[in-house]
């Protein structure tokens, strides 16, 4: 594959020492990797045996007929899960030669740690590990997202963002289920700081925070839920709609928000609906924005997608906002990963695309948002 390809949604599986940077007084209470009842290794956040051990989120390198929901030991998963250089080597094997954006995995449970001083300390420790070890393998080709403690006070959030930017962060992670919705005025200082600093903010499906409904079964109890996996492809519609109509992107035109692993076949209908309602309802509901809602998509709002055949068909049919707003991803090393078959997937998904659209989806949009060199 001679063209440049960037994966805009990869993950780590955090190593046993990821929380070793918390203050010494907290280390005995920090999350730890322990053996589970099934003999596999997993993360414990309460000192008890882990509810789930490695499996579905660490499937890269295993044949489809050898997938396991859980029960893997730390030594059975690929080194690319936790080592930046090995991660890049795995990307190169897959033809993903332009770089990758890397999200946390089990560290997201620090958003639900009852002891909030410990939770914030764990996020900081994760961020230092990500920047000092994982991203440091090649800071030009790895954009490791640092976790922001958005539920722990805006001063704490802004301090951590500033600290991470100073250490070389190129993007930050915000929880998919924050305690306040993102159209709340509470976040205005964060939007301004991120926009001024040129730092994109990314949320990943419903990763991070306390789920209010059926997602509790999987995201808290750690049971694998297929309907949950499917329905979360649509989880970005609500927060992004409210953010657009709240005028956030009109006030902060340099702010960029990425909704990861939500695909994009739904976007044209969403854009049509927002624009129709903005026009239809403005006679009695004064508009908070003075341009069509769809105009922010591809400029301020982006998604990442996997093998979304419907979405690629829509791009082929002529949807410029779609081509300018989504980014290819492999979701390495999770169970739905396209790795190591990106070349085959791209050949099918991108067949017949206009060259400019193909480049935008495979690399250009990610380079524009996260600052990769092309």
Protein backbone atom coordinates (compact mmCIF):
# COMPACT_ATOMS: atom_id res chain seq x y z
CA UNK A 1 0.00 0.00 0.00
CA UNK A 2 1.88 3.09 -1.24
CA UNK A 3 -0.57 5.75 -0.06
CA UNK A 4 -0.49 7.25 3.41
CA UNK A 5 -2.88 5.64 5.89
CA UNK A 6 -3.52 6.79 9.46
CA UNK A 7 -5.57 4.88 12.01
CA UNK A 8 -7.52 7.44 14.04
CA UNK A 9 -8.75 5.00 16.68
CA UNK A 10 -6.37 2.52 18.26
CA UNK A 11 -6.13 1.44 21.88
CA UNK A 12 -3.65 0.30 24.45
CA UNK A 13 -4.07 -2.36 27.07
CA UNK A 14 -2.33 -0.68 29.96
CA UNK A 15 0.75 -2.43 31.45
CA UNK A 16 0.96 -3.46 35.12
CA UNK A 17 3.04 -0.39 36.02
CA UNK A 18 0.76 2.24 34.43
CA UNK A 19 -0.38 3.60 37.80
CA UNK A 20 3.03 3.45 39.52
CA UNK A 21 3.39 7.22 39.20
CA UNK A 22 0.64 7.98 41.73
CA UNK A 23 1.90 9.49 45.01
CA UNK A 24 3.50 6.97 47.36
CA UNK A 25 0.68 7.44 49.89
CA UNK A 26 -1.83 6.14 47.34
CA UNK A 27 0.03 3.23 45.79
CA UNK A 28 -1.47 0.55 47.99
CA UNK A 29 -4.95 1.71 46.87
CA UNK A 30 -4.17 2.15 43.17
CA UNK A 31 -5.71 -0.25 40.63
CA UNK A 32 -3.68 -3.41 40.08
CA UNK A 33 -3.47 -6.18 37.55
CA UNK A 34 -4.51 -9.42 39.25
CA UNK A 35 -5.38 -12.99 38.34
CA UNK A 36 -9.05 -13.70 37.79
CA UNK A 37 -11.02 -16.82 38.63
CA UNK A 38 -10.53 -18.08 35.06
CA UNK A 39 -6.75 -17.88 35.33
CA UNK A 40 -6.46 -14.85 33.09
CA UNK A 41 -5.12 -11.43 34.07
CA UNK A 42 -7.29 -8.37 34.48
CA UNK A 43 -7.52 -4.99 36.17
CA UNK A 44 -8.90 -4.71 39.67
CA UNK A 45 -10.10 -1.28 40.81
CA UNK A 46 -11.34 -2.38 44.23
CA UNK A 47 -8.71 -4.86 45.43
CA UNK A 48 -10.92 -7.83 44.56
CA UNK A 49 -10.30 -10.33 41.73
CA UNK A 50 -11.09 -8.63 38.41
CA UNK A 51 -14.63 -8.91 37.09
CA UNK A 52 -13.24 -9.60 33.62
CA UNK A 53 -9.85 -10.69 32.41
CA UNK A 54 -8.14 -9.99 29.09
CA UNK A 55 -10.00 -11.24 26.07
CA UNK A 56 -12.29 -9.34 23.75
CA UNK A 57 -10.29 -6.11 24.04
CA UNK A 58 -6.96 -7.79 23.20
CA UNK A 59 -7.78 -10.01 20.22
CA UNK A 60 -5.20 -8.67 17.75
CA UNK A 61 -2.98 -11.51 16.60
CA UNK A 62 -5.57 -14.23 17.20
CA UNK A 63 -7.57 -15.98 14.51
CA UNK A 64 -11.31 -15.28 14.52
CA UNK A 65 -12.07 -18.87 15.53
CA UNK A 66 -9.70 -18.47 18.49
CA UNK A 67 -11.38 -15.39 19.97
CA UNK A 68 -11.97 -15.51 23.70
CA UNK A 69 -14.28 -13.25 25.68
CA UNK A 70 -11.83 -13.46 28.56
CA UNK A 71 -9.24 -15.68 30.20
CA UNK A 72 -6.02 -14.45 28.57
CA UNK A 73 -2.92 -13.82 30.61
CA UNK A 74 -0.79 -10.71 30.18
CA UNK A 75 1.91 -12.77 28.45
CA UNK A 76 -0.55 -14.00 25.80
CA UNK A 77 -1.37 -10.59 24.30
CA UNK A 78 0.71 -8.82 21.69
CA UNK A 79 3.43 -6.46 22.88
CA UNK A 80 1.86 -3.80 20.66
CA UNK A 81 -0.89 -3.51 23.26
CA UNK A 82 1.42 -1.67 25.64
CA UNK A 83 4.71 -0.86 23.89
CA UNK A 84 4.79 2.10 21.50
CA UNK A 85 7.52 0.78 19.22
CA UNK A 86 5.83 -2.62 18.93
CA UNK A 87 2.51 -0.88 18.31
CA UNK A 88 3.99 1.06 15.38
CA UNK A 89 5.59 -2.12 14.03
CA UNK A 90 2.18 -3.78 14.04
CA UNK A 91 0.72 -0.77 12.23
CA UNK A 92 3.42 -0.98 9.57
CA UNK A 93 2.62 -4.67 9.03
CA UNK A 94 -0.92 -3.52 8.26
CA UNK A 95 0.06 -0.73 5.87
CA UNK A 96 -0.89 1.94 8.42
CA UNK A 97 2.23 3.95 7.71
CA UNK A 98 1.24 7.50 8.59
CA UNK A 99 0.63 7.17 12.31
CA UNK A 100 -2.12 6.42 14.80
CA UNK A 101 -4.29 8.02 17.45
CA UNK A 102 -4.29 5.96 20.63
CA UNK A 103 -7.08 5.79 23.22
CA UNK A 104 -7.01 4.35 26.75
CA UNK A 105 -8.69 1.09 27.65
CA UNK A 106 -9.17 -0.05 31.27
CA UNK A 107 -7.88 3.27 32.59
CA UNK A 108 -11.29 4.75 31.81
CA UNK A 109 -12.63 3.19 35.01
CA UNK A 110 -10.72 5.83 36.96
CA UNK A 111 -13.63 8.13 36.05
CA UNK A 112 -15.74 6.00 38.41
CA UNK A 113 -13.25 5.57 41.25
CA UNK A 114 -15.08 6.69 44.44
CA UNK A 115 -11.92 8.25 45.89
CA UNK A 116 -11.61 11.19 43.51
CA UNK A 117 -8.13 12.22 44.66
CA UNK A 118 -6.99 8.72 43.75
CA UNK A 119 -8.94 8.78 40.50
CA UNK A 120 -7.31 12.02 39.37
CA UNK A 121 -3.87 10.79 40.45
CA UNK A 122 -4.39 7.64 38.38
CA UNK A 123 -5.35 9.70 35.32
CA UNK A 124 -2.19 11.76 35.72
CA UNK A 125 -0.12 8.61 36.07
CA UNK A 126 -1.70 7.19 32.92
CA UNK A 127 -1.02 10.42 31.04
CA UNK A 128 2.63 10.43 32.09
CA UNK A 129 3.01 6.80 31.04
CA UNK A 130 1.36 7.52 27.69
CA UNK A 131 3.53 10.55 26.92
CA UNK A 132 6.82 9.46 28.50
CA UNK A 133 6.81 5.82 27.41
CA UNK A 134 4.25 4.92 24.75
CA UNK A 135 4.07 8.06 22.60
CA UNK A 136 7.77 8.69 23.18
CA UNK A 137 8.55 5.75 20.86
CA UNK A 138 7.77 8.13 17.97
CA UNK A 139 5.94 11.35 18.90
CA UNK A 140 5.47 12.24 15.23
CA UNK A 141 3.54 9.08 14.44
CA UNK A 142 1.77 8.38 17.75
CA UNK A 143 -0.85 10.76 19.10
CA UNK A 144 -1.61 9.41 22.56
CA UNK A 145 -4.75 10.92 24.05
CA UNK A 146 -4.41 12.15 27.63
CA UNK A 147 -7.35 11.69 29.97
CA UNK A 148 -8.95 14.86 31.36
CA UNK A 149 -10.66 14.74 34.80
CA UNK A 150 -13.68 16.70 33.57
CA UNK A 151 -15.92 15.66 36.49
CA UNK A 152 -13.43 16.84 39.13
CA UNK A 153 -13.68 20.59 38.71
CA UNK A 154 -12.76 22.87 35.86
CA UNK A 155 -9.60 24.15 37.56
CA UNK A 156 -8.35 20.57 37.89
CA UNK A 157 -9.28 19.82 34.29
CA UNK A 158 -7.54 22.89 32.87
CA UNK A 159 -4.44 22.28 34.97
CA UNK A 160 -4.15 18.74 33.63
CA UNK A 161 -4.69 19.87 30.05
CA UNK A 162 -1.99 22.53 30.42
CA UNK A 163 0.37 20.04 32.06
CA UNK A 164 -0.13 17.48 29.29
CA UNK A 165 0.29 20.02 26.49
CA UNK A 166 3.60 21.07 28.06
CA UNK A 167 4.68 17.40 28.00
CA UNK A 168 3.86 17.01 24.29
CA UNK A 169 0.21 15.90 24.16
CA UNK A 170 -1.43 16.29 20.74
CA UNK A 171 -4.96 15.43 21.83
CA UNK A 172 -7.03 14.77 24.93
CA UNK A 173 -9.69 12.28 25.94
CA UNK A 174 -12.98 13.33 27.51
CA UNK A 175 -15.48 10.81 28.91
CA UNK A 176 -18.38 9.53 26.87
CA UNK A 177 -20.72 9.79 29.85
CA UNK A 178 -19.77 12.94 31.76
CA UNK A 179 -21.66 13.99 34.88
CA UNK A 180 -22.72 17.18 33.07
CA UNK A 181 -23.77 17.21 29.41
CA UNK A 182 -21.28 18.86 27.10
CA UNK A 183 -23.66 21.68 26.21
CA UNK A 184 -23.46 22.84 29.85
CA UNK A 185 -21.79 26.25 30.27
CA UNK A 186 -19.44 24.60 32.79
CA UNK A 187 -17.25 23.45 29.90
CA UNK A 188 -16.75 26.87 28.29
CA UNK A 189 -13.23 27.32 29.77
CA UNK A 190 -12.25 23.88 28.46
CA UNK A 191 -13.53 24.59 24.96
CA UNK A 192 -11.60 27.87 24.93
CA UNK A 193 -8.38 26.32 26.25
CA UNK A 194 -8.49 23.44 23.78
CA UNK A 195 -9.29 25.74 20.87
CA UNK A 196 -6.56 28.22 21.83
CA UNK A 197 -4.06 25.41 22.30
CA UNK A 198 -4.95 23.63 19.06
CA UNK A 199 -5.73 20.44 20.98
CA UNK A 200 -8.57 18.26 19.66
CA UNK A 201 -10.81 16.64 22.26
CA UNK A 202 -12.05 13.10 21.66
CA UNK A 203 -14.67 10.91 23.25
CA UNK A 204 -15.03 7.23 22.41
CA UNK A 205 -18.55 5.83 22.31
CA UNK A 206 -19.65 5.58 25.94
CA UNK A 207 -16.14 5.05 27.35
CA UNK A 208 -15.73 6.82 30.67
CA UNK A 209 -18.27 7.78 33.30
CA UNK A 210 -21.28 6.14 34.92
CA UNK A 211 -23.81 4.75 32.41
CA UNK A 212 -27.43 5.68 33.08
CA UNK A 213 -29.19 2.72 31.46
CA UNK A 214 -28.62 -0.66 29.84
CA UNK A 215 -24.92 0.05 29.33
CA UNK A 216 -24.45 -0.56 33.04
CA UNK A 217 -24.39 -4.31 32.37
CA UNK A 218 -21.29 -4.10 30.22
CA UNK A 219 -19.50 -0.96 31.31
CA UNK A 220 -19.77 -1.57 35.06
CA UNK A 221 -20.54 -5.25 35.53
CA UNK A 222 -18.12 -6.07 32.70
CA UNK A 223 -20.44 -8.45 30.87
CA UNK A 224 -20.10 -8.51 27.09
CA UNK A 225 -23.30 -7.12 25.55
CA UNK A 226 -23.74 -7.47 21.79
CA UNK A 227 -26.77 -5.15 21.66
CA UNK A 228 -24.74 -2.63 23.62
CA UNK A 229 -21.88 -2.87 21.14
CA UNK A 230 -24.29 -2.32 18.25
CA UNK A 231 -26.33 0.52 19.76
CA UNK A 232 -23.28 2.51 20.82
CA UNK A 233 -22.51 3.24 17.16
CA UNK A 234 -25.30 5.82 17.47
CA UNK A 235 -24.28 7.30 20.83
CA UNK A 236 -22.68 10.45 19.38
CA UNK A 237 -25.89 11.84 17.88
CA UNK A 238 -27.25 13.31 21.10
CA UNK A 239 -24.15 15.05 22.53
CA UNK A 240 -22.97 16.40 19.18
CA UNK A 241 -26.43 17.73 18.30
CA UNK A 242 -26.73 19.58 21.58
CA UNK A 243 -23.19 20.95 21.30
CA UNK A 244 -23.81 22.28 17.79
CA UNK A 245 -27.13 23.91 18.67
CA UNK A 246 -25.65 25.38 21.87
CA UNK A 247 -23.38 27.48 19.66
CA UNK A 248 -20.18 26.01 21.07
CA UNK A 249 -18.45 25.79 17.71
CA UNK A 250 -19.66 29.21 16.63
CA UNK A 251 -18.10 30.70 19.77
CA UNK A 252 -14.95 28.57 19.43
CA UNK A 253 -14.33 28.13 15.69
CA UNK A 254 -10.96 26.45 16.28
CA UNK A 255 -12.39 23.77 18.58
CA UNK A 256 -12.35 20.25 17.19
CA UNK A 257 -14.30 17.36 18.70
CA UNK A 258 -13.91 13.74 17.58
CA UNK A 259 -16.46 11.01 18.28
CA UNK A 260 -14.56 7.74 17.91
CA UNK A 261 -15.80 4.35 16.75
CA UNK A 262 -19.28 5.51 15.82
CA UNK A 263 -18.94 5.01 12.04
CA UNK A 264 -20.64 7.51 9.74
CA UNK A 265 -23.43 6.04 7.61
CA UNK A 266 -25.91 7.87 9.86
CA UNK A 267 -24.40 11.30 9.29
CA UNK A 268 -26.25 12.43 6.10
CA UNK A 269 -29.66 11.83 7.68
CA UNK A 270 -28.49 13.55 10.87
CA UNK A 271 -27.29 16.59 8.92
CA UNK A 272 -30.54 16.75 6.96
CA UNK A 273 -32.59 16.56 10.16
CA UNK A 274 -30.58 19.21 12.01
CA UNK A 275 -30.75 21.64 9.08
CA UNK A 276 -34.47 21.06 8.56
CA UNK A 277 -35.32 21.65 12.22
CA UNK A 278 -33.00 24.66 12.46
CA UNK A 279 -34.87 26.22 9.54
CA UNK A 280 -38.38 25.06 10.46
CA UNK A 281 -38.36 25.89 14.16
CA UNK A 282 -36.51 29.20 14.10
CA UNK A 283 -39.75 31.22 13.70
CA UNK A 284 -40.69 30.49 17.30
CA UNK A 285 -37.41 29.21 18.80
CA UNK A 286 -34.69 31.83 18.34
CA UNK A 287 -31.62 30.26 16.76
CA UNK A 288 -28.46 30.01 18.83
CA UNK A 289 -26.36 29.72 15.66
CA UNK A 290 -26.54 31.85 12.55
CA UNK A 291 -25.34 29.22 10.07
CA UNK A 292 -26.75 25.80 9.24
CA UNK A 293 -25.82 23.12 11.81
CA UNK A 294 -24.33 20.93 9.08
CA UNK A 295 -21.66 23.56 8.39
CA UNK A 296 -19.79 22.59 11.55
CA UNK A 297 -19.38 18.95 10.50
CA UNK A 298 -16.02 18.43 8.83
CA UNK A 299 -14.77 21.71 10.29
CA UNK A 300 -15.28 21.20 14.02
CA UNK A 301 -16.96 17.81 14.37
CA UNK A 302 -15.41 14.53 13.21
CA UNK A 303 -15.93 10.79 13.58
CA UNK A 304 -13.85 7.67 13.15
CA UNK A 305 -15.12 4.66 11.24
CA UNK A 306 -14.34 1.02 10.65
CA UNK A 307 -15.75 -1.12 7.82
CA UNK A 308 -18.87 1.02 7.40
CA UNK A 309 -19.92 -0.09 3.91
CA UNK A 310 -23.07 2.05 4.00
CA UNK A 311 -20.99 5.09 4.87
CA UNK A 312 -18.47 4.54 2.08
CA UNK A 313 -21.33 4.00 -0.40
CA UNK A 314 -22.73 7.38 0.63
CA UNK A 315 -19.37 9.04 0.04
CA UNK A 316 -19.28 7.43 -3.40
CA UNK A 317 -22.74 8.83 -4.02
CA UNK A 318 -21.53 12.36 -3.39
CA UNK A 319 -21.53 13.54 0.22
CA UNK A 320 -18.70 16.04 0.65
CA UNK A 321 -19.34 16.68 4.35
CA UNK A 322 -19.10 12.96 4.97
CA UNK A 323 -15.75 12.67 3.19
CA UNK A 324 -14.38 15.65 5.12
CA UNK A 325 -15.56 14.54 8.55
CA UNK A 326 -14.66 10.89 9.02
CA UNK A 327 -11.35 9.10 9.55
CA UNK A 328 -10.30 5.54 8.87
CA UNK A 329 -9.45 3.42 11.90
CA UNK A 330 -8.50 -0.17 12.68
CA UNK A 331 -9.56 -0.31 16.36
CA UNK A 332 -6.40 -2.30 17.12
CA UNK A 333 -6.32 -4.48 19.26
CA UNK A 334 -10.06 -4.97 19.97
CA UNK A 335 -12.26 -7.78 18.70
CA UNK A 336 -13.70 -5.77 15.79
CA UNK A 337 -10.24 -4.70 14.62
CA UNK A 338 -9.54 -4.51 10.89
CA UNK A 339 -5.90 -5.29 11.67
CA UNK A 340 -3.96 -6.87 9.99
CA UNK A 341 -6.20 -6.75 6.90
CA UNK A 342 -6.35 -3.01 6.25
CA UNK A 343 -5.12 -3.32 2.68
CA UNK A 344 -7.97 -5.70 1.83
CA UNK A 345 -10.57 -3.61 3.66
CA UNK A 346 -9.41 -0.35 2.09
CA UNK A 347 -9.47 -1.86 -1.39
CA UNK A 348 -13.14 -2.76 -0.91
CA UNK A 349 -14.28 0.26 1.08
CA UNK A 350 -12.57 2.89 -1.06
CA UNK A 351 -13.21 1.36 -4.49
CA UNK A 352 -14.39 4.11 -6.83
CA UNK A 353 -13.89 7.00 -4.41
CA UNK A 354 -12.69 10.30 -5.80
CA UNK A 355 -8.95 10.60 -5.05
CA UNK A 356 -9.48 13.65 -2.83
CA UNK A 357 -12.18 11.86 -0.80
CA UNK A 358 -10.06 8.74 -0.47
CA UNK A 359 -7.10 10.74 0.80
CA UNK A 360 -9.25 12.72 3.23
CA UNK A 361 -10.72 9.63 4.87
CA UNK A 362 -7.54 7.56 4.96
CA UNK A 363 -5.15 10.26 6.15
CA UNK A 364 -6.00 13.87 5.37
CA UNK A 365 -8.68 14.43 8.00
CA UNK A 366 -6.61 12.84 10.77
CA UNK A 367 -3.59 14.90 9.73
CA UNK A 368 -5.70 18.05 9.78
CA UNK A 369 -7.14 17.34 13.23
CA UNK A 370 -4.18 15.80 15.06
CA UNK A 371 -1.26 17.38 13.23
CA UNK A 372 0.33 14.37 11.55
CA UNK A 373 2.90 15.08 8.86
CA UNK A 374 1.96 13.79 5.41
